[in-house]
C-alpha atoms as a PDB file:
ATOM      1  CA  MET A   1       0.000   0.000   0.000  1.00  0.00           C
ATOM      2  CA  VAL A   2       1.238   3.441  -0.784  1.00  0.00           C
ATOM      3  CA  GLY A   3       2.016   5.718   2.145  1.00  0.00           C
ATOM      4  CA  TYR A   4       1.792   3.035   4.861  1.00  0.00           C
ATOM      5  CA  SER A   5       4.752   1.428   6.553  1.00  0.00           C
ATOM      6  CA  TYR A   6       4.246  -1.214   9.179  1.00  0.00           C
ATOM      7  CA  LYS A   7       6.903  -2.835  11.298  1.00  0.00           C
ATOM      8  CA  LEU A   8       6.692  -6.095  13.161  1.00  0.00           C
ATOM      9  CA  SER A   9       7.517  -4.203  16.363  1.00  0.00           C
ATOM     10  CA  ASP A  10       4.191  -2.374  16.032  1.00  0.00           C
ATOM     11  CA  TYR A  11       2.381  -5.639  16.727  1.00  0.00           C
ATOM     12  CA  VAL A  12       4.751  -7.591  18.981  1.00  0.00           C
ATOM     13  CA  ALA A  13       4.992  -6.772  22.696  1.00  0.00           C
ATOM     14  CA  ASP A  14       8.339  -5.961  24.231  1.00  0.00           C
ATOM     15  CA  ALA A  15       9.729  -8.289  26.877  1.00  0.00           C
ATOM     16  CA  ASN A  16      10.120  -5.267  29.167  1.00  0.00           C
ATOM     17  CA  SER A  17       6.599  -3.905  28.666  1.00  0.00           C
ATOM     18  CA  SER A  18       3.728  -4.899  30.905  1.00  0.00           C
ATOM     19  CA  TYR A  19       0.140  -5.284  29.809  1.00  0.00           C
ATOM     20  CA  SER A  20      -2.900  -5.785  31.972  1.00  0.00           C
ATOM     21  CA  ILE A  21      -5.820  -7.786  30.697  1.00  0.00           C
ATOM     22  CA  ALA A  22      -9.306  -7.058  32.001  1.00  0.00           C
ATOM     23  CA  VAL A  23     -11.356 -10.225  32.320  1.00  0.00           C
ATOM     24  CA  SER A  24     -15.097  -9.911  32.563  1.00  0.00           C
ATOM     25  CA  SER A  25     -17.353 -12.591  33.945  1.00  0.00           C
ATOM     26  CA  MET A  26     -18.826 -15.106  31.550  1.00  0.00           C
ATOM     27  CA  PRO A  27     -22.608 -14.937  31.030  1.00  0.00           C
ATOM     28  CA  LYS A  28     -24.698 -17.691  32.589  1.00  0.00           C
ATOM     29  CA  HIS A  29     -26.114 -20.249  30.187  1.00  0.00           C
ATOM     30  CA  SER A  30     -29.849 -20.772  30.100  1.00  0.00           C
ATOM     31  CA  ASN A  31     -31.674 -24.065  30.601  1.00  0.00           C
ATOM     32  CA  TRP A  32     -32.376 -24.294  26.861  1.00  0.00           C
ATOM     33  CA  GLN A  33     -30.158 -25.968  24.291  1.00  0.00           C
ATOM     34  CA  CYS A  34     -30.507 -26.310  20.538  1.00  0.00           C
ATOM     35  CA  THR A  35     -29.182 -29.303  18.617  1.00  0.00           C
ATOM     36  CA  PHE A  36     -28.413 -28.589  14.988  1.00  0.00           C
ATOM     37  CA  ILE A  37     -27.816 -31.118  12.211  1.00  0.00           C
ATOM     38  CA  GLY A  38     -26.557 -34.518  13.271  1.00  0.00           C
ATOM     39  CA  GLY A  39     -29.006 -35.203  16.085  1.00  0.00           C
ATOM     40  CA  PRO A  40     -27.637 -35.638  19.599  1.00  0.00           C
ATOM     41  CA  ASN A  41     -24.066 -35.997  18.289  1.00  0.00           C
ATOM     42  CA  GLY A  42     -24.206 -32.734  16.321  1.00  0.00           C
ATOM     43  CA  PRO A  43     -23.228 -29.267  17.493  1.00  0.00           C
ATOM     44  CA  VAL A  44     -25.183 -27.851  20.430  1.00  0.00           C
ATOM     45  CA  TYR A  45     -25.954 -24.175  21.103  1.00  0.00           C
ATOM     46  CA  ASN A  46     -26.656 -22.901  24.620  1.00  0.00           C
ATOM     47  CA  PRO A  47     -27.971 -19.315  24.608  1.00  0.00           C
ATOM     48  CA  SER A  48     -27.126 -17.020  27.489  1.00  0.00           C
ATOM     49  CA  GLU A  49     -29.680 -16.522  30.219  1.00  0.00           C
ATOM     50  CA  GLY A  50     -32.398 -14.108  29.140  1.00  0.00           C
ATOM     51  CA  ASN A  51     -31.721 -14.611  25.397  1.00  0.00           C
ATOM     52  CA  GLU A  52     -33.762 -17.757  24.909  1.00  0.00           C
ATOM     53  CA  PRO A  53     -36.126 -17.756  21.917  1.00  0.00           C
ATOM     54  CA  ASN A  54     -39.867 -17.815  22.547  1.00  0.00           C
ATOM     55  CA  TRP A  55     -42.169 -20.731  21.701  1.00  0.00           C
ATOM     56  CA  PHE A  56     -42.970 -19.492  18.180  1.00  0.00           C
ATOM     57  CA  HIS A  57     -39.299 -18.977  17.297  1.00  0.00           C
ATOM     58  CA  ARG A  58     -38.357 -22.446  18.596  1.00  0.00           C
ATOM     59  CA  LYS A  59     -41.231 -24.125  16.735  1.00  0.00           C
ATOM     60  CA  MET A  60     -40.485 -22.356  13.439  1.00  0.00           C
ATOM     61  CA  GLN A  61     -36.811 -23.335  13.651  1.00  0.00           C
ATOM     62  CA  GLU A  62     -37.858 -26.934  14.210  1.00  0.00           C
ATOM     63  CA  LEU A  63     -40.324 -26.941  11.294  1.00  0.00           C
ATOM     64  CA  CYS A  64     -38.176 -25.020   8.796  1.00  0.00           C
ATOM     65  CA  PHE A  65     -34.636 -26.080   9.623  1.00  0.00           C
ATOM     66  CA  GLY A  66     -34.918 -29.191  11.783  1.00  0.00           C
ATOM     67  CA  PHE A  67     -33.317 -27.561  14.844  1.00  0.00           C
ATOM     68  CA  LYS A  68     -34.443 -29.226  18.062  1.00  0.00           C
ATOM     69  CA  TRP A  69     -34.832 -27.044  21.156  1.00  0.00           C
ATOM     70  CA  ARG A  70     -34.879 -28.909  24.453  1.00  0.00           C
ATOM     71  CA  LYS A  71     -34.992 -27.706  28.030  1.00  0.00           C
ATOM     72  CA  LYS A  72     -32.247 -29.169  30.223  1.00  0.00           C
ATOM     73  CA  LYS A  73     -33.360 -31.105  33.241  1.00  0.00           C
END
């Protein structure tokens, strides 16, 4: 690119420099899980608490795409 010069040192941290990393808490998972293609051995999605789809959304995903929403016991 014209007019830009990047050096590796722009992206690599110095051994003498110190960085602090802020770690936030992970969101809680809800009691709902969605199994995609492949049945029980396929990938599983657990939405975060409060972001679960409603009944209509779950039913339409099951009818249109075959996604199975189940509530964990």
